[in-house]
Amino acid sequence: MNYPEMTEVLIPISRKLYDDIIRLSDGQLDPVRLANYQLEDWLAYSIEDGNYDWGERWEEAAKTFNPHFYEKWLKEQDKESYKRKRHDLVWKKVTIPHGSEVRMNYKKKDYYAKVEDGSIIDGGRRFSPSEWAKHIASGTSRNAWRDLHFKFPNSKYWVPAEVLRRMVYKEMGIQY
């Protein structure tokens, strides 16, 4: 996406990162262009996938950052489903963003589900973290803090729920 009268804004990145991109790509990649493309892609993706709540400005953002998707949206019957607020999963004091993935290993097999509108969705059913862990374990009571791992939207890392809880509690100055 090219903006006609583009003014420049400086976004600081580490000198090492900048130099590494140039060096490792043998000068083929321009870090400024790369950053610009990455931001444009994220904006377009966030409109389509709903991983960011644009609120009342969703339509304006869609027109600006993802015009192809906006045209498709105009033709759809259920236009409101794209605009509705996406709710994060709030589990105790830990917030898991809408669109995150959840994984649990049980009997040496990985099970996956998605966080959507404040719940874990698996097979069309809604679960709390504890309910989903118990569901995967065939009704056996499980410690979801220990057994669940989450991968946030646009991240490649799986983070144990227990680590998320420790981080939040530490930030709040709470010991448990």
N, C-alpha and C. Protein backbone atom coordinates (compact mmCIF):
# COMPACT_ATOMS: atom_id res chain seq x y z
N MET A 1 0.86 -1.17 0.00
CA MET A 1 0.00 0.00 0.00
C MET A 1 0.90 1.23 0.00
N ASN A 2 0.75 2.06 -0.96
CA ASN A 2 1.53 3.30 -1.02
C ASN A 2 0.64 4.47 -0.69
N TYR A 3 1.10 5.32 0.19
CA TYR A 3 0.34 6.49 0.57
C TYR A 3 0.86 7.67 -0.25
N PRO A 4 -0.02 8.39 -0.95
CA PRO A 4 0.38 9.42 -1.90
C PRO A 4 1.34 10.46 -1.34
N GLU A 5 0.99 11.11 -0.28
CA GLU A 5 1.84 12.16 0.28
C GLU A 5 2.45 11.65 1.58
N MET A 6 3.28 10.64 1.46
CA MET A 6 3.83 9.99 2.64
C MET A 6 4.88 10.86 3.31
N THR A 7 4.65 11.13 4.56
CA THR A 7 5.67 11.78 5.38
C THR A 7 6.34 10.69 6.18
N GLU A 8 7.52 10.92 6.59
CA GLU A 8 8.26 9.89 7.30
C GLU A 8 8.18 10.08 8.79
N VAL A 9 8.12 8.95 9.48
CA VAL A 9 8.15 8.90 10.93
C VAL A 9 9.30 7.98 11.28
N LEU A 10 10.11 8.38 12.20
CA LEU A 10 11.24 7.55 12.61
C LEU A 10 10.80 6.60 13.71
N ILE A 11 11.04 5.32 13.48
CA ILE A 11 10.75 4.29 14.47
C ILE A 11 12.08 3.66 14.84
N PRO A 12 12.55 3.88 16.04
CA PRO A 12 13.86 3.36 16.40
C PRO A 12 13.88 1.83 16.48
N ILE A 13 14.91 1.24 15.89
CA ILE A 13 15.20 -0.18 16.06
C ILE A 13 16.67 -0.26 16.44
N SER A 14 17.06 -1.36 17.00
CA SER A 14 18.45 -1.47 17.43
C SER A 14 19.38 -1.47 16.22
N ARG A 15 20.53 -0.89 16.40
CA ARG A 15 21.53 -0.81 15.33
C ARG A 15 21.96 -2.22 14.92
N LYS A 16 22.07 -3.10 15.91
CA LYS A 16 22.48 -4.48 15.63
C LYS A 16 21.46 -5.16 14.73
N LEU A 17 20.17 -5.00 15.02
CA LEU A 17 19.14 -5.62 14.18
C LEU A 17 19.22 -5.07 12.76
N TYR A 18 19.34 -3.77 12.64
CA TYR A 18 19.44 -3.13 11.32
C TYR A 18 20.65 -3.69 10.56
N ASP A 19 21.81 -3.70 11.21
CA ASP A 19 23.04 -4.19 10.57
C ASP A 19 22.93 -5.67 10.20
N ASP A 20 22.34 -6.48 11.10
CA ASP A 20 22.19 -7.91 10.82
C ASP A 20 21.30 -8.16 9.61
N ILE A 21 20.22 -7.40 9.49
CA ILE A 21 19.33 -7.57 8.33
C ILE A 21 20.10 -7.28 7.05
N ILE A 22 20.84 -6.20 7.03
CA ILE A 22 21.64 -5.85 5.85
C ILE A 22 22.70 -6.92 5.58
N ARG A 23 23.44 -7.29 6.63
CA ARG A 23 24.55 -8.24 6.47
C ARG A 23 24.06 -9.62 6.07
N LEU A 24 23.06 -10.14 6.78
CA LEU A 24 22.61 -11.51 6.53
C LEU A 24 21.86 -11.66 5.21
N SER A 25 21.31 -10.57 4.70
CA SER A 25 20.62 -10.64 3.40
C SER A 25 21.53 -10.17 2.27
N ASP A 26 22.80 -9.96 2.58
CA ASP A 26 23.76 -9.45 1.58
C ASP A 26 23.24 -8.19 0.91
N GLY A 27 22.61 -7.33 1.72
CA GLY A 27 22.12 -6.05 1.20
C GLY A 27 20.85 -6.14 0.39
N GLN A 28 20.24 -7.33 0.33
CA GLN A 28 19.03 -7.51 -0.48
C GLN A 28 17.78 -6.98 0.22
N LEU A 29 17.80 -6.94 1.54
CA LEU A 29 16.63 -6.45 2.28
C LEU A 29 16.89 -5.05 2.82
N ASP A 30 15.89 -4.20 2.70
CA ASP A 30 15.94 -2.85 3.25
C ASP A 30 15.11 -2.87 4.54
N PRO A 31 15.73 -2.71 5.71
CA PRO A 31 14.99 -2.79 6.97
C PRO A 31 13.81 -1.81 7.05
N VAL A 32 13.93 -0.64 6.45
CA VAL A 32 12.83 0.33 6.48
C VAL A 32 11.65 -0.20 5.70
N ARG A 33 11.90 -0.69 4.49
CA ARG A 33 10.82 -1.26 3.68
C ARG A 33 10.22 -2.49 4.35
N LEU A 34 11.09 -3.32 4.93
CA LEU A 34 10.65 -4.52 5.61
C LEU A 34 9.70 -4.17 6.76
N ALA A 35 10.07 -3.18 7.57
CA ALA A 35 9.21 -2.75 8.68
C ALA A 35 7.89 -2.22 8.15
N ASN A 36 7.92 -1.44 7.10
CA ASN A 36 6.71 -0.89 6.51
C ASN A 36 5.79 -2.00 6.02
N TYR A 37 6.35 -2.98 5.30
CA TYR A 37 5.55 -4.10 4.81
C TYR A 37 4.96 -4.91 5.96
N GLN A 38 5.76 -5.14 6.99
CA GLN A 38 5.27 -5.91 8.13
C GLN A 38 4.08 -5.21 8.81
N LEU A 39 4.19 -3.91 8.99
CA LEU A 39 3.09 -3.16 9.60
C LEU A 39 1.85 -3.18 8.71
N GLU A 40 2.04 -3.01 7.41
CA GLU A 40 0.90 -3.07 6.49
C GLU A 40 0.23 -4.44 6.53
N ASP A 41 1.03 -5.50 6.53
CA ASP A 41 0.47 -6.85 6.60
C ASP A 41 -0.29 -7.08 7.89
N TRP A 42 0.28 -6.61 9.02
CA TRP A 42 -0.40 -6.78 10.30
C TRP A 42 -1.74 -6.04 10.29
N LEU A 43 -1.75 -4.83 9.78
CA LEU A 43 -3.00 -4.06 9.73
C LEU A 43 -4.05 -4.78 8.89
N ALA A 44 -3.67 -5.24 7.71
CA ALA A 44 -4.62 -5.95 6.85
C ALA A 44 -5.12 -7.22 7.52
N TYR A 45 -4.21 -7.97 8.13
CA TYR A 45 -4.56 -9.22 8.81
C TYR A 45 -5.49 -8.95 9.99
N SER A 46 -5.22 -7.90 10.76
CA SER A 46 -6.04 -7.62 11.94
C SER A 46 -7.47 -7.26 11.56
N ILE A 47 -7.66 -6.68 10.40
CA ILE A 47 -9.01 -6.35 9.93
C ILE A 47 -9.76 -7.64 9.62
N GLU A 48 -9.11 -8.54 8.91
CA GLU A 48 -9.76 -9.76 8.45
C GLU A 48 -9.97 -10.77 9.56
N ASP A 49 -8.98 -10.91 10.44
CA ASP A 49 -9.03 -11.96 11.46
C ASP A 49 -9.65 -11.51 12.77
N GLY A 50 -9.75 -10.20 12.98
CA GLY A 50 -10.36 -9.71 14.20
C GLY A 50 -9.47 -9.80 15.42
N ASN A 51 -8.14 -9.88 15.23
CA ASN A 51 -7.23 -9.98 16.37
C ASN A 51 -6.95 -8.65 17.04
N TYR A 52 -7.51 -7.60 16.51
CA TYR A 52 -7.39 -6.29 17.13
C TYR A 52 -8.77 -5.66 17.09
N ASP A 53 -9.19 -5.05 18.17
CA ASP A 53 -10.52 -4.46 18.24
C ASP A 53 -10.49 -3.03 17.73
N TRP A 54 -10.93 -2.84 16.51
CA TRP A 54 -10.98 -1.50 15.91
C TRP A 54 -12.21 -0.73 16.37
N GLY A 55 -13.12 -1.40 17.07
CA GLY A 55 -14.32 -0.74 17.61
C GLY A 55 -15.15 -0.08 16.52
N GLU A 56 -15.60 1.13 16.80
CA GLU A 56 -16.45 1.87 15.88
C GLU A 56 -15.72 2.28 14.60
N ARG A 57 -14.40 2.19 14.60
CA ARG A 57 -13.62 2.63 13.44
C ARG A 57 -13.26 1.47 12.53
N TRP A 58 -13.88 0.30 12.76
CA TRP A 58 -13.56 -0.88 11.98
C TRP A 58 -13.75 -0.63 10.48
N GLU A 59 -14.86 -0.06 10.11
CA GLU A 59 -15.16 0.14 8.68
C GLU A 59 -14.13 1.08 8.04
N GLU A 60 -13.81 2.17 8.72
CA GLU A 60 -12.80 3.10 8.21
C GLU A 60 -11.44 2.42 8.08
N ALA A 61 -11.08 1.63 9.10
CA ALA A 61 -9.80 0.91 9.06
C ALA A 61 -9.79 -0.12 7.93
N ALA A 62 -10.90 -0.82 7.74
CA ALA A 62 -10.98 -1.81 6.67
C ALA A 62 -10.84 -1.15 5.30
N LYS A 63 -11.52 -0.03 5.09
CA LYS A 63 -11.40 0.69 3.81
C LYS A 63 -9.95 1.09 3.55
N THR A 64 -9.26 1.55 4.59
CA THR A 64 -7.91 2.07 4.46
C THR A 64 -6.86 0.97 4.33
N PHE A 65 -6.92 -0.03 5.21
CA PHE A 65 -5.84 -1.00 5.31
C PHE A 65 -6.08 -2.34 4.61
N ASN A 66 -7.33 -2.65 4.28
CA ASN A 66 -7.63 -3.91 3.60
C ASN A 66 -8.82 -3.72 2.66
N PRO A 67 -8.65 -2.91 1.60
CA PRO A 67 -9.77 -2.58 0.72
C PRO A 67 -10.38 -3.80 0.02
N HIS A 68 -9.56 -4.82 -0.30
CA HIS A 68 -10.11 -6.01 -0.96
C HIS A 68 -11.06 -6.75 -0.02
N PHE A 69 -10.64 -6.89 1.22
CA PHE A 69 -11.50 -7.53 2.21
C PHE A 69 -12.74 -6.69 2.46
N TYR A 70 -12.60 -5.38 2.49
CA TYR A 70 -13.73 -4.48 2.69
C TYR A 70 -14.77 -4.66 1.59
N GLU A 71 -14.31 -4.79 0.34
CA GLU A 71 -15.25 -5.02 -0.78
C GLU A 71 -15.99 -6.34 -0.59
N LYS A 72 -15.27 -7.36 -0.16
CA LYS A 72 -15.90 -8.66 0.10
C LYS A 72 -16.92 -8.53 1.22
N TRP A 73 -16.55 -7.81 2.26
CA TRP A 73 -17.43 -7.60 3.40
C TRP A 73 -18.72 -6.91 2.98
N LEU A 74 -18.63 -5.95 2.07
CA LEU A 74 -19.81 -5.23 1.62
C LEU A 74 -20.82 -6.17 0.96
N LYS A 75 -20.33 -7.25 0.36
CA LYS A 75 -21.21 -8.20 -0.34
C LYS A 75 -21.79 -9.27 0.59
N GLU A 76 -21.21 -9.41 1.77
CA GLU A 76 -21.65 -10.45 2.71
C GLU A 76 -23.01 -10.10 3.32
N GLN A 77 -23.74 -11.12 3.72
CA GLN A 77 -25.03 -10.92 4.36
C GLN A 77 -24.89 -10.47 5.81
N ASP A 78 -24.02 -11.13 6.55
CA ASP A 78 -23.89 -10.86 7.99
C ASP A 78 -22.75 -9.88 8.24
N LYS A 79 -22.96 -8.63 7.88
CA LYS A 79 -21.91 -7.62 8.01
C LYS A 79 -21.54 -7.38 9.47
N GLU A 80 -22.49 -7.47 10.37
CA GLU A 80 -22.22 -7.17 11.78
C GLU A 80 -21.25 -8.16 12.41
N SER A 81 -21.18 -9.40 11.90
CA SER A 81 -20.27 -10.37 12.52
C SER A 81 -18.82 -9.94 12.41
N TYR A 82 -18.46 -9.19 11.37
CA TYR A 82 -17.09 -8.72 11.23
C TYR A 82 -16.81 -7.55 12.17
N LYS A 83 -17.84 -6.81 12.51
CA LYS A 83 -17.63 -5.60 13.31
C LYS A 83 -17.77 -5.84 14.81
N ARG A 84 -18.37 -6.96 15.19
CA ARG A 84 -18.62 -7.13 16.61
C ARG A 84 -17.31 -7.25 17.37
N LYS A 85 -17.38 -6.82 18.60
CA LYS A 85 -16.18 -6.82 19.44
C LYS A 85 -15.75 -8.25 19.74
N ARG A 86 -14.49 -8.49 19.63
CA ARG A 86 -13.91 -9.79 19.94
C ARG A 86 -13.47 -9.76 21.39
N HIS A 87 -13.98 -10.68 22.19
CA HIS A 87 -13.66 -10.68 23.62
C HIS A 87 -12.50 -11.62 23.90
N ASP A 88 -11.57 -11.13 24.70
CA ASP A 88 -10.46 -11.95 25.15
C ASP A 88 -10.95 -12.90 26.23
N LEU A 89 -10.20 -13.96 26.44
CA LEU A 89 -10.47 -14.89 27.54
C LEU A 89 -9.79 -14.33 28.78
N VAL A 90 -10.56 -14.05 29.81
CA VAL A 90 -10.00 -13.58 31.07
C VAL A 90 -10.12 -14.73 32.06
N TRP A 91 -8.98 -15.21 32.51
CA TRP A 91 -8.90 -16.38 33.38
C TRP A 91 -8.17 -15.95 34.63
N LYS A 92 -8.94 -15.84 35.71
CA LYS A 92 -8.45 -15.23 36.96
C LYS A 92 -7.94 -13.83 36.60
N LYS A 93 -6.65 -13.56 36.73
CA LYS A 93 -6.12 -12.24 36.39
C LYS A 93 -5.35 -12.26 35.06
N VAL A 94 -5.36 -13.39 34.37
CA VAL A 94 -4.62 -13.56 33.12
C VAL A 94 -5.56 -13.34 31.94
N THR A 95 -5.11 -12.54 30.98
CA THR A 95 -5.90 -12.27 29.78
C THR A 95 -5.25 -12.96 28.59
N ILE A 96 -6.03 -13.81 27.92
CA ILE A 96 -5.57 -14.52 26.73
C ILE A 96 -6.30 -13.87 25.55
N PRO A 97 -5.57 -13.29 24.60
CA PRO A 97 -6.22 -12.57 23.50
C PRO A 97 -7.09 -13.45 22.61
N HIS A 98 -8.18 -12.87 22.15
CA HIS A 98 -9.03 -13.51 21.14
C HIS A 98 -8.14 -13.91 19.96
N GLY A 99 -8.34 -15.09 19.43
CA GLY A 99 -7.55 -15.55 18.30
C GLY A 99 -6.34 -16.37 18.69
N SER A 100 -6.06 -16.46 19.99
CA SER A 100 -4.94 -17.29 20.44
C SER A 100 -5.26 -18.76 20.22
N GLU A 101 -4.22 -19.56 20.16
CA GLU A 101 -4.39 -21.01 20.10
C GLU A 101 -4.08 -21.58 21.48
N VAL A 102 -4.69 -22.72 21.79
CA VAL A 102 -4.42 -23.39 23.05
C VAL A 102 -4.07 -24.84 22.73
N ARG A 103 -3.13 -25.38 23.51
CA ARG A 103 -2.66 -26.74 23.29
C ARG A 103 -2.58 -27.46 24.63
N MET A 104 -2.89 -28.74 24.59
CA MET A 104 -2.71 -29.58 25.79
C MET A 104 -2.20 -30.93 25.34
N ASN A 105 -1.18 -31.42 26.03
CA ASN A 105 -0.66 -32.74 25.74
C ASN A 105 -1.27 -33.69 26.78
N TYR A 106 -1.89 -34.76 26.27
CA TYR A 106 -2.49 -35.75 27.17
C TYR A 106 -2.23 -37.13 26.58
N LYS A 107 -1.64 -37.99 27.37
CA LYS A 107 -1.28 -39.34 26.95
C LYS A 107 -0.47 -39.31 25.66
N LYS A 108 0.54 -38.44 25.66
CA LYS A 108 1.51 -38.30 24.56
C LYS A 108 0.88 -37.87 23.24
N LYS A 109 -0.26 -37.20 23.32
CA LYS A 109 -0.89 -36.66 22.12
C LYS A 109 -1.24 -35.19 22.37
N ASP A 110 -0.96 -34.34 21.37
CA ASP A 110 -1.30 -32.92 21.48
C ASP A 110 -2.72 -32.67 20.97
N TYR A 111 -3.46 -31.87 21.74
CA TYR A 111 -4.81 -31.44 21.38
C TYR A 111 -4.79 -29.93 21.23
N TYR A 112 -5.54 -29.42 20.26
CA TYR A 112 -5.53 -27.99 19.97
C TYR A 112 -6.95 -27.44 19.93
N ALA A 113 -7.07 -26.18 20.30
CA ALA A 113 -8.34 -25.46 20.20
C ALA A 113 -8.01 -23.98 20.01
N LYS A 114 -9.05 -23.17 19.93
CA LYS A 114 -8.87 -21.74 19.65
C LYS A 114 -9.59 -20.92 20.72
N VAL A 115 -9.02 -19.75 21.05
CA VAL A 115 -9.67 -18.82 21.97
C VAL A 115 -10.49 -17.85 21.12
N GLU A 116 -11.79 -17.86 21.34
CA GLU A 116 -12.69 -16.99 20.60
C GLU A 116 -13.76 -16.43 21.53
N ASP A 117 -13.92 -15.14 21.48
CA ASP A 117 -14.98 -14.45 22.22
C ASP A 117 -15.09 -14.89 23.68
N GLY A 118 -13.95 -14.94 24.36
CA GLY A 118 -13.94 -15.18 25.80
C GLY A 118 -13.98 -16.62 26.25
N SER A 119 -13.87 -17.56 25.30
CA SER A 119 -13.91 -18.97 25.66
C SER A 119 -12.93 -19.76 24.81
N ILE A 120 -12.68 -20.99 25.21
CA ILE A 120 -11.94 -21.93 24.37
C ILE A 120 -12.97 -22.66 23.54
N ILE A 121 -12.78 -22.65 22.23
CA ILE A 121 -13.72 -23.29 21.31
C ILE A 121 -13.08 -24.54 20.75
N ASP A 122 -13.76 -25.65 20.91
CA ASP A 122 -13.29 -26.94 20.39
C ASP A 122 -14.50 -27.70 19.88
N GLY A 123 -14.50 -28.02 18.61
CA GLY A 123 -15.61 -28.76 18.02
C GLY A 123 -16.93 -28.04 18.14
N GLY A 124 -16.89 -26.72 18.09
CA GLY A 124 -18.11 -25.93 18.18
C GLY A 124 -18.63 -25.73 19.60
N ARG A 125 -17.96 -26.32 20.58
CA ARG A 125 -18.37 -26.17 21.99
C ARG A 125 -17.50 -25.16 22.69
N ARG A 126 -18.06 -24.46 23.67
CA ARG A 126 -17.36 -23.44 24.46
C ARG A 126 -16.93 -24.04 25.79
N PHE A 127 -15.68 -23.74 26.17
CA PHE A 127 -15.13 -24.25 27.43
C PHE A 127 -14.37 -23.15 28.16
N SER A 128 -14.33 -23.25 29.48
CA SER A 128 -13.36 -22.49 30.28
C SER A 128 -12.06 -23.29 30.18
N PRO A 129 -10.92 -22.72 30.59
CA PRO A 129 -9.68 -23.50 30.54
C PRO A 129 -9.77 -24.81 31.35
N SER A 130 -10.34 -24.74 32.55
CA SER A 130 -10.45 -25.96 33.37
C SER A 130 -11.38 -26.98 32.72
N GLU A 131 -12.48 -26.51 32.16
CA GLU A 131 -13.43 -27.43 31.50
C GLU A 131 -12.78 -28.10 30.29
N TRP A 132 -11.99 -27.33 29.52
CA TRP A 132 -11.37 -27.91 28.33
C TRP A 132 -10.33 -28.95 28.73
N ALA A 133 -9.53 -28.66 29.75
CA ALA A 133 -8.53 -29.63 30.22
C ALA A 133 -9.21 -30.91 30.67
N LYS A 134 -10.30 -30.78 31.39
CA LYS A 134 -11.06 -31.95 31.85
C LYS A 134 -11.68 -32.70 30.67
N HIS A 135 -12.17 -31.96 29.68
CA HIS A 135 -12.76 -32.55 28.48
C HIS A 135 -11.71 -33.38 27.73
N ILE A 136 -10.52 -32.82 27.55
CA ILE A 136 -9.44 -33.53 26.85
C ILE A 136 -9.04 -34.79 27.61
N ALA A 137 -9.06 -34.71 28.93
CA ALA A 137 -8.65 -35.84 29.78
C ALA A 137 -9.81 -36.78 30.07
N SER A 138 -10.83 -36.76 29.22
CA SER A 138 -11.98 -37.67 29.34
C SER A 138 -12.65 -37.62 30.71
N GLY A 139 -12.81 -36.40 31.24
CA GLY A 139 -13.52 -36.22 32.50
C GLY A 139 -12.64 -36.27 33.73
N THR A 140 -11.38 -36.59 33.56
CA THR A 140 -10.45 -36.63 34.68
C THR A 140 -10.10 -35.20 35.08
N SER A 141 -10.11 -34.93 36.36
CA SER A 141 -9.77 -33.60 36.83
C SER A 141 -8.30 -33.30 36.55
N ARG A 142 -8.04 -32.11 35.98
CA ARG A 142 -6.68 -31.71 35.61
C ARG A 142 -6.38 -30.33 36.15
N ASN A 143 -5.09 -29.99 36.25
CA ASN A 143 -4.65 -28.65 36.62
C ASN A 143 -4.38 -27.89 35.32
N ALA A 144 -5.33 -27.08 34.90
CA ALA A 144 -5.21 -26.37 33.63
C ALA A 144 -4.01 -25.42 33.61
N TRP A 145 -3.66 -24.84 34.75
CA TRP A 145 -2.50 -23.95 34.79
C TRP A 145 -1.23 -24.72 34.40
N ARG A 146 -1.16 -25.96 34.78
CA ARG A 146 0.01 -26.78 34.48
C ARG A 146 -0.07 -27.38 33.07
N ASP A 147 -1.26 -27.74 32.62
CA ASP A 147 -1.40 -28.53 31.39
C ASP A 147 -1.58 -27.73 30.11
N LEU A 148 -2.05 -26.48 30.20
CA LEU A 148 -2.35 -25.73 28.99
C LEU A 148 -1.19 -24.82 28.58
N HIS A 149 -1.03 -24.68 27.28
CA HIS A 149 -0.06 -23.77 26.68
C HIS A 149 -0.81 -22.90 25.68
N PHE A 150 -0.42 -21.64 25.58
CA PHE A 150 -1.09 -20.71 24.68
C PHE A 150 -0.11 -20.11 23.68
N LYS A 151 -0.59 -19.91 22.47
CA LYS A 151 0.17 -19.20 21.45
C LYS A 151 -0.68 -18.01 21.02
N PHE A 152 -0.19 -16.81 21.31
CA PHE A 152 -0.93 -15.59 21.00
C PHE A 152 -0.92 -15.33 19.50
N PRO A 153 -1.90 -14.58 19.00
CA PRO A 153 -1.91 -14.24 17.58
C PRO A 153 -0.60 -13.55 17.18
N ASN A 154 -0.13 -13.88 16.01
CA ASN A 154 1.10 -13.30 15.45
C ASN A 154 2.34 -13.66 16.25
N SER A 155 2.29 -14.72 17.03
CA SER A 155 3.46 -15.19 17.77
C SER A 155 3.76 -16.61 17.31
N LYS A 156 5.01 -17.02 17.43
CA LYS A 156 5.36 -18.39 17.07
C LYS A 156 5.66 -19.24 18.31
N TYR A 157 5.51 -18.65 19.50
CA TYR A 157 5.90 -19.33 20.73
C TYR A 157 4.69 -19.81 21.53
N TRP A 158 4.80 -21.02 22.03
CA TRP A 158 3.82 -21.56 22.96
C TRP A 158 4.30 -21.23 24.38
N VAL A 159 3.42 -20.66 25.17
CA VAL A 159 3.78 -20.26 26.54
C VAL A 159 2.88 -21.02 27.52
N PRO A 160 3.48 -21.70 28.49
CA PRO A 160 2.67 -22.40 29.49
C PRO A 160 1.79 -21.42 30.27
N ALA A 161 0.58 -21.86 30.57
CA ALA A 161 -0.36 -21.01 31.32
C ALA A 161 0.24 -20.60 32.66
N GLU A 162 0.96 -21.49 33.29
CA GLU A 162 1.58 -21.18 34.58
C GLU A 162 2.57 -20.02 34.47
N VAL A 163 3.30 -19.95 33.38
CA VAL A 163 4.24 -18.85 33.17
C VAL A 163 3.48 -17.54 32.99
N LEU A 164 2.39 -17.58 32.25
CA LEU A 164 1.56 -16.37 32.09
C LEU A 164 1.04 -15.89 33.44
N ARG A 165 0.57 -16.83 34.26
CA ARG A 165 0.06 -16.46 35.58
C ARG A 165 1.16 -15.85 36.44
N ARG A 166 2.35 -16.49 36.45
CA ARG A 166 3.46 -15.95 37.24
C ARG A 166 3.81 -14.53 36.80
N MET A 167 3.84 -14.29 35.49
CA MET A 167 4.19 -12.97 34.97
C MET A 167 3.18 -11.92 35.42
N VAL A 168 1.89 -12.24 35.32
CA VAL A 168 0.84 -11.29 35.71
C VAL A 168 0.90 -11.02 37.21
N TYR A 169 1.02 -12.07 37.99
CA TYR A 169 1.05 -11.89 39.44
C TYR A 169 2.28 -11.10 39.87
N LYS A 170 3.43 -11.38 39.25
CA LYS A 170 4.64 -10.64 39.57
C LYS A 170 4.46 -9.16 39.24
N GLU A 171 3.89 -8.87 38.07
CA GLU A 171 3.66 -7.49 37.67
C GLU A 171 2.73 -6.76 38.63
N MET A 172 1.79 -7.50 39.22
CA MET A 172 0.84 -6.91 40.15
C MET A 172 1.36 -6.92 41.59
N GLY A 173 2.52 -7.53 41.82
CA GLY A 173 3.07 -7.60 43.16
C GLY A 173 2.33 -8.58 44.05
N ILE A 174 1.72 -9.59 43.45
CA ILE A 174 0.95 -10.59 44.20
C ILE A 174 1.77 -11.87 44.30
N GLN A 175 1.84 -12.43 45.50
CA GLN A 175 2.48 -13.72 45.68
C GLN A 175 1.39 -14.77 45.84
N TYR A 176 1.63 -15.93 45.26
CA TYR A 176 0.64 -17.02 45.41
C TYR A 176 1.32 -18.29 45.78
